[in-house]
N, C-alpha and C. Protein backbone atom coordinates (compact mmCIF):
# COMPACT_ATOMS: atom_id res chain seq x y z
N MET A 1 -19.54 9.21 -5.48
CA MET A 1 -19.22 10.75 -4.88
C MET A 1 -17.79 10.55 -4.27
N TYR A 2 -17.74 9.69 -3.16
CA TYR A 2 -16.70 9.49 -2.35
C TYR A 2 -15.46 8.92 -2.99
N LYS A 3 -15.81 7.96 -3.98
CA LYS A 3 -14.76 7.31 -4.73
C LYS A 3 -14.20 8.26 -5.69
N GLU A 4 -14.88 9.18 -6.46
CA GLU A 4 -14.46 10.23 -7.16
C GLU A 4 -13.44 11.22 -6.56
N ARG A 5 -13.97 11.52 -5.26
CA ARG A 5 -13.25 12.41 -4.61
C ARG A 5 -11.98 11.86 -4.05
N LEU A 6 -12.14 10.75 -3.65
CA LEU A 6 -10.71 9.80 -3.08
C LEU A 6 -9.78 9.85 -4.29
N GLN A 7 -10.21 9.41 -5.39
CA GLN A 7 -9.45 9.31 -6.71
C GLN A 7 -8.82 10.60 -7.26
N GLN A 8 -9.57 11.70 -7.08
CA GLN A 8 -8.97 12.95 -7.32
C GLN A 8 -8.06 13.45 -6.57
N ILE A 9 -8.13 13.10 -5.21
CA ILE A 9 -7.11 13.59 -4.16
C ILE A 9 -5.60 12.87 -4.49
N PHE A 10 -5.80 11.62 -4.90
CA PHE A 10 -4.73 10.79 -5.21
C PHE A 10 -3.91 11.36 -6.38
N ASP A 11 -4.88 11.71 -7.45
CA ASP A 11 -4.33 12.46 -8.73
C ASP A 11 -3.72 13.64 -8.23
N ASN A 12 -4.17 14.43 -7.32
CA ASN A 12 -3.48 15.86 -6.96
C ASN A 12 -2.43 15.64 -5.92
N GLU A 13 -2.49 14.74 -5.14
CA GLU A 13 -1.32 14.65 -4.08
C GLU A 13 -0.44 13.75 -4.48
N HIS A 14 0.82 14.05 -4.96
CA HIS A 14 1.83 13.21 -5.48
C HIS A 14 2.87 13.04 -4.20
N PRO A 15 3.22 11.87 -4.03
CA PRO A 15 4.11 11.50 -3.07
C PRO A 15 5.39 12.20 -3.16
N ARG A 16 6.04 12.95 -2.46
CA ARG A 16 7.32 13.70 -2.63
C ARG A 16 8.21 14.03 -1.40
N THR A 17 7.85 13.35 -0.37
CA THR A 17 8.74 13.33 0.70
C THR A 17 9.92 12.58 0.64
N HIS A 18 11.14 13.13 0.48
CA HIS A 18 12.26 12.15 0.13
C HIS A 18 12.64 11.37 1.33
N MET A 19 13.19 10.10 0.99
CA MET A 19 13.58 9.16 1.92
C MET A 19 14.81 9.69 2.70
N SER A 20 14.87 9.12 3.87
CA SER A 20 16.20 9.50 4.73
C SER A 20 17.28 8.73 4.01
N GLU A 21 18.46 9.08 4.51
CA GLU A 21 19.63 8.44 3.95
C GLU A 21 19.55 7.03 4.23
N THR A 22 19.28 6.58 5.52
CA THR A 22 19.03 5.27 5.84
C THR A 22 18.07 4.50 4.85
N GLN A 23 16.92 5.13 4.69
CA GLN A 23 15.87 4.28 3.88
C GLN A 23 16.43 4.29 2.46
N THR A 24 17.21 5.30 1.90
CA THR A 24 17.68 5.35 0.52
C THR A 24 18.63 4.16 0.44
N MET A 25 19.49 4.04 1.49
CA MET A 25 20.54 2.98 1.49
C MET A 25 19.97 1.56 1.48
N ILE A 26 19.08 1.30 2.30
CA ILE A 26 18.22 0.13 2.52
C ILE A 26 17.55 -0.17 0.90
N MET A 27 16.94 0.82 0.32
CA MET A 27 16.33 0.50 -0.92
C MET A 27 17.46 0.20 -2.06
N VAL A 28 18.55 0.78 -1.89
CA VAL A 28 19.54 0.52 -2.94
C VAL A 28 20.04 -0.84 -2.79
N LYS A 29 20.23 -1.11 -1.37
CA LYS A 29 20.78 -2.40 -1.03
C LYS A 29 19.88 -3.70 -1.62
N ILE A 30 18.59 -3.37 -1.39
CA ILE A 30 17.50 -4.43 -1.75
C ILE A 30 17.57 -4.48 -3.23
N MET A 31 17.62 -3.34 -3.92
CA MET A 31 17.57 -3.47 -5.45
C MET A 31 18.89 -4.02 -6.03
N LEU A 32 19.87 -4.03 -5.28
CA LEU A 32 21.14 -4.69 -5.86
C LEU A 32 21.28 -5.95 -5.42
N ALA A 33 20.54 -6.43 -4.36
CA ALA A 33 20.84 -7.75 -3.73
C ALA A 33 20.60 -8.80 -4.78
N ASN A 34 21.24 -9.93 -4.51
CA ASN A 34 21.36 -11.13 -5.45
C ASN A 34 20.59 -12.03 -4.81
N ASP A 35 19.36 -11.91 -4.22
CA ASP A 35 18.66 -12.89 -3.48
C ASP A 35 17.46 -13.04 -4.15
N HIS A 36 17.01 -14.22 -4.76
CA HIS A 36 15.80 -14.47 -5.54
C HIS A 36 14.67 -14.31 -4.69
N ASN A 37 14.72 -14.59 -3.49
CA ASN A 37 13.44 -14.45 -2.45
C ASN A 37 13.07 -12.91 -2.46
N LEU A 38 13.91 -11.96 -2.78
CA LEU A 38 13.43 -10.57 -2.66
C LEU A 38 12.67 -10.09 -4.06
N THR A 39 12.77 -10.95 -5.08
CA THR A 39 12.21 -10.59 -6.23
C THR A 39 10.90 -11.40 -6.60
N ILE A 40 10.37 -12.31 -5.83
CA ILE A 40 9.28 -13.15 -6.02
C ILE A 40 8.23 -12.71 -5.16
N PRO A 41 6.90 -12.77 -5.55
CA PRO A 41 5.84 -12.42 -4.66
C PRO A 41 6.03 -13.35 -3.24
N ILE A 42 5.56 -12.57 -2.21
CA ILE A 42 5.74 -13.04 -0.92
C ILE A 42 5.17 -14.48 -0.70
N ASP A 43 3.90 -14.71 -1.32
CA ASP A 43 3.33 -16.10 -1.13
C ASP A 43 3.97 -17.15 -1.85
N GLU A 44 5.07 -16.81 -2.56
CA GLU A 44 5.83 -17.77 -3.35
C GLU A 44 7.15 -17.97 -2.71
N ILE A 45 7.56 -17.31 -1.57
CA ILE A 45 8.83 -17.58 -0.97
C ILE A 45 8.78 -18.93 -0.29
N ASP A 46 9.86 -19.50 -0.35
CA ASP A 46 10.16 -20.70 0.49
C ASP A 46 10.15 -20.46 1.95
N LYS A 47 9.15 -20.83 2.81
CA LYS A 47 9.12 -20.36 4.19
C LYS A 47 10.12 -20.99 4.96
N ASN A 48 10.94 -21.92 4.36
CA ASN A 48 12.00 -22.66 5.24
C ASN A 48 13.29 -21.71 4.87
N SER A 49 13.32 -21.01 3.83
CA SER A 49 14.62 -20.27 3.50
C SER A 49 15.18 -19.30 4.41
N GLU A 50 16.43 -19.07 4.39
CA GLU A 50 17.07 -18.33 5.47
C GLU A 50 16.45 -16.92 5.34
N THR A 51 16.28 -16.25 4.07
CA THR A 51 15.70 -14.97 3.98
C THR A 51 14.41 -14.90 4.61
N TYR A 52 13.40 -15.86 4.35
CA TYR A 52 12.22 -15.70 5.05
C TYR A 52 12.27 -15.78 6.52
N GLN A 53 13.10 -16.55 6.93
CA GLN A 53 13.30 -16.70 8.47
C GLN A 53 13.73 -15.47 9.01
N GLN A 54 14.55 -14.65 8.31
CA GLN A 54 15.28 -13.64 8.88
C GLN A 54 14.33 -12.42 8.94
N PHE A 55 13.20 -12.53 7.99
CA PHE A 55 12.29 -11.45 7.99
C PHE A 55 10.79 -11.81 8.49
N LYS A 56 10.74 -13.01 9.11
CA LYS A 56 9.54 -13.55 9.52
C LYS A 56 8.98 -12.69 10.64
N PRO A 57 9.52 -11.93 11.61
CA PRO A 57 8.98 -10.89 12.37
C PRO A 57 8.27 -9.87 11.64
N LEU A 58 8.72 -9.52 10.48
CA LEU A 58 8.20 -8.39 9.73
C LEU A 58 6.82 -8.87 9.51
N PHE A 59 6.55 -10.14 9.11
CA PHE A 59 5.08 -10.60 8.84
C PHE A 59 4.18 -10.71 10.06
N GLY A 60 4.73 -10.56 11.24
CA GLY A 60 3.88 -10.72 12.58
C GLY A 60 3.53 -9.22 12.89
N SER A 61 3.97 -8.24 12.26
CA SER A 61 3.49 -6.97 12.54
C SER A 61 2.18 -6.76 12.11
N SER A 62 1.36 -5.96 13.08
CA SER A 62 0.02 -5.59 12.89
C SER A 62 -0.17 -4.85 11.58
N LEU A 63 0.84 -3.89 11.36
CA LEU A 63 0.79 -2.91 10.31
C LEU A 63 0.84 -3.56 9.10
N ILE A 64 1.92 -4.67 9.06
CA ILE A 64 2.19 -5.38 7.72
C ILE A 64 0.92 -6.33 7.44
N LYS A 65 0.52 -6.91 8.51
CA LYS A 65 -0.84 -7.94 8.26
C LYS A 65 -1.84 -7.14 7.74
N VAL A 66 -2.17 -5.83 8.25
CA VAL A 66 -3.27 -5.10 7.50
C VAL A 66 -2.93 -4.64 6.26
N PHE A 67 -1.75 -4.24 5.84
CA PHE A 67 -1.32 -3.82 4.48
C PHE A 67 -1.39 -5.05 3.51
N LEU A 68 -0.98 -6.20 4.02
CA LEU A 68 -0.96 -7.37 3.20
C LEU A 68 -2.37 -7.96 2.94
N ILE A 69 -3.23 -7.79 3.70
CA ILE A 69 -4.70 -8.17 3.70
C ILE A 69 -5.33 -7.16 2.80
N ARG A 70 -5.12 -5.89 2.82
CA ARG A 70 -5.61 -4.85 2.02
C ARG A 70 -5.25 -5.03 0.56
N LEU A 71 -3.92 -5.29 0.54
CA LEU A 71 -3.37 -5.34 -0.77
C LEU A 71 -3.63 -6.72 -1.60
N THR A 72 -3.71 -7.82 -0.89
CA THR A 72 -4.06 -9.02 -1.82
C THR A 72 -5.37 -9.36 -1.80
N LYS A 73 -6.25 -8.90 -0.79
CA LYS A 73 -7.64 -9.32 -0.65
C LYS A 73 -8.56 -8.34 -1.42
N MET A 74 -8.29 -7.06 -1.12
CA MET A 74 -9.09 -6.02 -1.55
C MET A 74 -8.57 -5.32 -2.81
N ALA A 75 -7.36 -5.18 -3.10
CA ALA A 75 -6.71 -4.67 -4.22
C ALA A 75 -6.30 -5.55 -5.30
N ASN A 76 -6.30 -6.89 -4.86
CA ASN A 76 -5.84 -7.95 -5.84
C ASN A 76 -4.50 -7.65 -6.51
N LEU A 77 -3.62 -7.43 -5.68
CA LEU A 77 -2.13 -7.10 -5.91
C LEU A 77 -1.22 -8.05 -5.20
N LYS A 78 0.00 -8.34 -5.73
CA LYS A 78 0.95 -8.98 -5.05
C LYS A 78 2.14 -8.14 -4.84
N ILE A 79 3.05 -8.40 -3.88
CA ILE A 79 4.19 -7.70 -3.68
C ILE A 79 5.32 -8.58 -3.11
N THR A 80 6.42 -8.27 -3.60
CA THR A 80 7.80 -9.02 -3.31
C THR A 80 8.20 -8.68 -1.94
N LEU A 81 9.11 -9.42 -1.41
CA LEU A 81 9.52 -9.12 -0.12
C LEU A 81 10.44 -7.81 -0.21
N GLY A 82 11.24 -7.66 -1.35
CA GLY A 82 12.08 -6.38 -1.36
C GLY A 82 11.14 -5.17 -1.36
N ALA A 83 10.22 -5.35 -2.22
CA ALA A 83 9.08 -4.14 -2.19
C ALA A 83 8.43 -3.83 -0.76
N LEU A 84 7.96 -4.87 -0.17
CA LEU A 84 7.53 -4.69 1.08
C LEU A 84 8.51 -4.19 2.15
N MET A 85 9.88 -4.58 2.00
CA MET A 85 10.72 -4.07 2.95
C MET A 85 10.95 -2.50 2.76
N ILE A 86 10.88 -2.33 1.43
CA ILE A 86 11.10 -0.60 1.26
C ILE A 86 9.98 0.07 1.80
N LEU A 87 8.66 -0.42 1.72
CA LEU A 87 7.43 0.40 2.22
C LEU A 87 7.24 0.06 3.63
N ALA A 88 7.69 -0.99 4.27
CA ALA A 88 7.43 -1.00 5.62
C ALA A 88 8.33 -0.02 6.57
N GLN A 89 9.31 0.46 5.91
CA GLN A 89 10.07 1.59 6.64
C GLN A 89 9.17 2.73 6.83
N TYR A 90 8.26 2.96 5.90
CA TYR A 90 7.59 4.18 5.61
C TYR A 90 6.21 4.11 6.51
N PHE A 91 5.68 2.77 6.95
CA PHE A 91 4.56 2.52 7.48
C PHE A 91 4.75 3.08 8.96
N GLY A 92 3.91 4.00 9.54
CA GLY A 92 4.03 4.32 11.00
C GLY A 92 2.60 4.35 11.64
N THR A 93 1.59 4.34 10.80
CA THR A 93 0.08 4.15 11.35
C THR A 93 -0.73 3.35 10.55
N PHE A 94 -1.81 2.89 11.11
CA PHE A 94 -2.64 2.12 10.21
C PHE A 94 -3.40 3.06 9.08
N GLY A 95 -3.47 4.39 9.34
CA GLY A 95 -3.96 5.15 8.28
C GLY A 95 -2.95 5.22 7.17
N SER A 96 -1.70 5.30 7.54
CA SER A 96 -0.71 5.20 6.31
C SER A 96 -0.61 3.98 5.57
N VAL A 97 -0.96 2.89 6.31
CA VAL A 97 -0.95 1.59 5.62
C VAL A 97 -2.01 1.42 4.63
N VAL A 98 -3.25 1.87 5.20
CA VAL A 98 -4.47 1.78 4.38
C VAL A 98 -4.39 2.81 3.19
N ILE A 99 -3.91 4.00 3.52
CA ILE A 99 -3.79 4.91 2.20
C ILE A 99 -2.70 4.44 1.36
N CYS A 100 -1.69 3.87 1.69
CA CYS A 100 -0.56 3.31 0.69
C CYS A 100 -1.27 2.20 -0.12
N SER A 101 -2.00 1.41 0.69
CA SER A 101 -2.55 0.10 -0.10
C SER A 101 -3.45 0.67 -1.02
N TYR A 102 -4.29 1.67 -0.75
CA TYR A 102 -5.27 2.19 -1.72
C TYR A 102 -4.60 2.91 -2.97
N TYR A 103 -3.50 3.84 -2.62
CA TYR A 103 -2.89 4.42 -3.49
C TYR A 103 -2.22 3.23 -4.55
N LEU A 104 -1.71 2.24 -4.15
CA LEU A 104 -1.28 1.27 -5.08
C LEU A 104 -2.39 0.69 -5.96
N PHE A 105 -3.56 0.43 -5.29
CA PHE A 105 -4.69 -0.09 -5.81
C PHE A 105 -5.14 0.92 -7.08
N HIS A 106 -5.11 2.16 -6.75
CA HIS A 106 -5.39 3.19 -7.58
C HIS A 106 -4.56 3.41 -8.82
N LYS A 107 -3.28 3.18 -8.58
CA LYS A 107 -2.20 3.40 -9.65
C LYS A 107 -1.93 2.08 -10.47
N LEU A 108 -2.12 0.86 -9.84
CA LEU A 108 -1.81 -0.33 -10.71
C LEU A 108 -2.91 -1.22 -11.17
N PRO A 109 -2.75 -1.82 -12.27
CA PRO A 109 -3.94 -2.76 -12.75
C PRO A 109 -3.78 -3.91 -11.66
N LYS A 110 -5.03 -4.55 -11.56
CA LYS A 110 -5.09 -5.58 -10.66
C LYS A 110 -4.13 -6.85 -11.13
N ASN A 111 -3.75 -7.71 -10.18
CA ASN A 111 -2.76 -8.81 -10.33
C ASN A 111 -1.40 -8.42 -10.86
N THR A 112 -1.19 -7.22 -10.60
CA THR A 112 0.30 -6.69 -10.88
C THR A 112 1.13 -7.21 -9.58
N ILE A 113 2.34 -7.55 -9.96
CA ILE A 113 3.36 -7.97 -8.94
C ILE A 113 4.13 -6.91 -8.57
N ILE A 114 4.13 -6.19 -7.50
CA ILE A 114 4.83 -4.92 -7.06
C ILE A 114 6.10 -5.39 -6.64
N THR A 115 7.23 -4.68 -7.42
CA THR A 115 8.51 -5.03 -7.25
C THR A 115 9.32 -3.75 -6.60
N SER A 116 10.35 -3.93 -6.09
CA SER A 116 11.30 -2.73 -5.70
C SER A 116 11.46 -1.80 -6.89
N ASP A 117 11.63 -2.19 -8.03
CA ASP A 117 11.83 -1.35 -9.30
C ASP A 117 10.48 -0.62 -9.43
N ILE A 118 9.35 -1.17 -9.36
CA ILE A 118 8.13 -0.44 -9.50
C ILE A 118 7.89 0.55 -8.43
N ILE A 119 8.22 0.24 -7.27
CA ILE A 119 8.21 1.25 -6.19
C ILE A 119 8.91 2.43 -6.39
N ALA A 120 10.34 2.14 -6.76
CA ALA A 120 11.21 3.32 -6.89
C ALA A 120 11.06 4.04 -8.21
N THR A 121 10.53 3.38 -9.41
CA THR A 121 10.44 4.14 -10.70
C THR A 121 9.08 4.80 -11.05
N ASP A 122 8.05 3.76 -10.58
CA ASP A 122 6.74 4.14 -11.01
C ASP A 122 5.69 4.81 -10.06
N LEU A 123 5.94 4.34 -8.83
CA LEU A 123 5.13 4.75 -7.77
C LEU A 123 5.51 5.78 -6.75
N PHE A 124 6.72 5.82 -6.43
CA PHE A 124 7.33 6.73 -5.34
C PHE A 124 8.59 7.18 -6.10
N PRO A 125 8.75 7.75 -7.21
CA PRO A 125 10.25 8.10 -7.73
C PRO A 125 10.64 9.35 -7.02
N TRP A 126 9.70 10.15 -6.32
CA TRP A 126 10.36 11.35 -5.84
C TRP A 126 10.07 11.23 -4.27
N GLY A 127 9.60 10.18 -3.63
CA GLY A 127 9.57 10.02 -2.38
C GLY A 127 8.20 9.50 -1.92
N PHE A 128 7.93 9.62 -0.53
CA PHE A 128 6.46 9.18 -0.18
C PHE A 128 5.66 10.19 0.22
N PHE A 129 4.44 9.89 0.77
CA PHE A 129 3.47 10.81 1.22
C PHE A 129 3.99 11.46 2.50
N SER A 130 4.05 12.78 2.68
CA SER A 130 4.30 13.50 3.91
C SER A 130 3.18 13.22 4.95
N THR A 131 3.52 13.48 6.28
CA THR A 131 2.35 13.37 7.27
C THR A 131 1.30 14.29 6.95
N GLU A 132 1.46 15.54 6.40
CA GLU A 132 0.55 16.32 6.09
C GLU A 132 -0.34 15.74 4.90
N GLN A 133 0.21 15.34 4.08
CA GLN A 133 -0.64 14.67 2.83
C GLN A 133 -1.39 13.48 3.34
N ILE A 134 -0.81 12.59 4.23
CA ILE A 134 -1.58 11.54 4.97
C ILE A 134 -2.85 11.97 5.49
N ASN A 135 -2.46 13.15 6.33
CA ASN A 135 -3.73 13.75 6.97
C ASN A 135 -4.84 14.34 6.03
N LYS A 136 -4.28 14.87 5.12
CA LYS A 136 -5.20 15.53 4.09
C LYS A 136 -6.05 14.51 3.37
N ILE A 137 -5.33 13.35 3.03
CA ILE A 137 -5.99 12.30 2.25
C ILE A 137 -6.94 11.57 3.32
N TRP A 138 -6.44 11.28 4.47
CA TRP A 138 -7.48 10.69 5.63
C TRP A 138 -8.73 11.44 5.66
N GLN A 139 -8.58 12.89 5.87
CA GLN A 139 -9.84 13.68 6.06
C GLN A 139 -10.64 13.57 4.82
N ALA A 140 -9.98 13.59 3.49
CA ALA A 140 -10.89 13.52 2.35
C ALA A 140 -11.52 12.32 2.18
N GLN A 141 -11.22 11.16 2.78
CA GLN A 141 -11.95 9.87 2.69
C GLN A 141 -12.97 9.64 3.60
N LYS A 142 -13.16 10.69 4.46
CA LYS A 142 -14.16 10.50 5.51
C LYS A 142 -15.60 10.77 4.91
N VAL A 143 -16.56 10.06 5.44
CA VAL A 143 -17.92 9.96 4.91
C VAL A 143 -18.79 10.45 6.00
N VAL A 144 -19.79 10.86 5.68
CA VAL A 144 -21.08 11.19 6.62
C VAL A 144 -22.01 9.88 6.70
N THR A 145 -22.02 9.18 7.84
CA THR A 145 -22.57 7.77 7.81
C THR A 145 -24.11 7.89 7.43
N ASP A 146 -24.67 8.93 7.51
CA ASP A 146 -25.99 8.95 7.22
C ASP A 146 -26.39 9.24 5.81
N GLU A 147 -25.42 9.41 4.90
CA GLU A 147 -25.61 9.56 3.58
C GLU A 147 -25.67 8.17 2.85
N ASN A 148 -26.67 7.80 2.36
CA ASN A 148 -27.04 6.68 1.59
C ASN A 148 -25.92 5.68 1.40
N LEU A 149 -25.29 5.17 2.37
CA LEU A 149 -24.37 4.03 2.40
C LEU A 149 -24.89 2.72 3.05
N ASP A 150 -26.24 2.80 3.08
CA ASP A 150 -26.84 1.63 3.66
C ASP A 150 -26.69 0.32 2.97
N GLU A 151 -26.56 0.55 1.68
CA GLU A 151 -26.29 -0.84 0.79
C GLU A 151 -24.91 -1.28 0.71
N CYS A 152 -23.96 -0.48 1.45
CA CYS A 152 -22.64 -0.79 1.13
C CYS A 152 -22.13 -1.78 2.30
N HIS A 153 -20.99 -2.48 2.07
CA HIS A 153 -20.41 -3.31 2.97
C HIS A 153 -19.15 -2.78 3.66
N CYS A 154 -19.09 -2.57 4.91
CA CYS A 154 -18.13 -1.96 5.62
C CYS A 154 -17.39 -2.90 6.47
N ILE A 155 -16.06 -2.88 6.46
CA ILE A 155 -15.11 -3.89 7.22
C ILE A 155 -14.61 -3.21 8.36
N GLY A 156 -14.77 -2.11 8.62
CA GLY A 156 -14.14 -1.33 9.75
C GLY A 156 -15.00 -0.27 10.24
N VAL A 157 -14.47 0.95 10.20
CA VAL A 157 -15.01 2.24 10.77
C VAL A 157 -16.02 2.66 9.78
N HIS A 158 -17.43 2.99 10.11
CA HIS A 158 -18.40 3.30 9.11
C HIS A 158 -18.09 4.72 8.65
N ASP A 159 -17.31 5.59 9.23
CA ASP A 159 -16.95 6.94 8.61
C ASP A 159 -15.81 6.92 7.86
N ASN A 160 -15.11 5.72 7.64
CA ASN A 160 -13.98 5.76 6.67
C ASN A 160 -14.28 5.05 5.46
N PHE A 161 -14.24 5.83 4.40
CA PHE A 161 -14.67 5.29 2.94
C PHE A 161 -13.61 4.30 2.56
N LEU A 162 -12.50 4.32 3.16
CA LEU A 162 -11.54 3.19 2.81
C LEU A 162 -11.83 1.84 3.36
N ASP A 163 -12.82 1.78 4.22
CA ASP A 163 -13.14 0.68 4.99
C ASP A 163 -14.43 -0.02 4.31
N TYR A 164 -14.97 0.61 3.13
CA TYR A 164 -16.11 0.11 2.37
C TYR A 164 -15.59 -0.68 1.25
N VAL A 165 -15.96 -1.91 1.16
CA VAL A 165 -15.58 -2.73 0.14
C VAL A 165 -15.73 -2.24 -1.27
N GLU A 166 -16.92 -1.44 -1.49
CA GLU A 166 -17.27 -0.83 -2.80
C GLU A 166 -16.11 0.07 -3.26
N CYS A 167 -15.33 0.69 -2.51
CA CYS A 167 -14.20 1.53 -2.86
C CYS A 167 -13.14 0.75 -3.47
N TRP A 168 -13.03 -0.37 -3.18
CA TRP A 168 -11.83 -1.27 -3.82
C TRP A 168 -12.37 -2.05 -5.19
N VAL A 169 -13.46 -1.47 -5.65
CA VAL A 169 -13.87 -2.14 -6.99
C VAL A 169 -13.32 -1.38 -8.07
N LYS A 170 -12.51 -1.85 -9.00
CA LYS A 170 -12.23 -1.06 -10.05
C LYS A 170 -13.33 -1.13 -11.25
N GLU A 171 -13.22 0.08 -11.88
CA GLU A 171 -14.19 0.19 -12.96
C GLU A 171 -13.93 -0.90 -13.99
N GLU A 172 -14.92 -1.36 -14.83
CA GLU A 172 -14.61 -2.41 -15.87
C GLU A 172 -13.86 -1.65 -17.04
N ASN A 173 -13.94 -0.51 -17.32
CA ASN A 173 -13.12 0.05 -18.49
C ASN A 173 -11.82 0.62 -18.00
N ILE A 174 -11.34 0.30 -16.89
CA ILE A 174 -9.91 0.83 -16.47
C ILE A 174 -9.06 -0.40 -16.78
């Protein structure tokens, strides 16, 4: 019931808040950059490279840590440094991080490597979720904890469906 409601809201709420001029400029620069480290999955980047060292503080951010754990462990997706830098500008709260990671999970087949091109053309061609949309999605994913979720495994707050491991399981026919 909750999973269907969550999937329905993602089908209805399309990200459409335009990027700022600065965000757009950063995205274009990332997409035009000639640095191999921006185009390969983060876990394959040479940790001694100048590019990795320059963005190492990004990986220390709590928001980015939560995003990467959700993305890689729960959604079975990989992301390039370039794509992460584009999304990182958008993250402002843990809720937006969790919602974005679930949106990527909802839209992409598992084992996809998310690149800046996929971000720009397939996932967010018209912009990102607005604050109002994030709040609407966040409220829609709330659960009543006394409703038959006893057999589910929760990794966070019991009234957030996005914290239940079961919501991150793809149907076999998808």
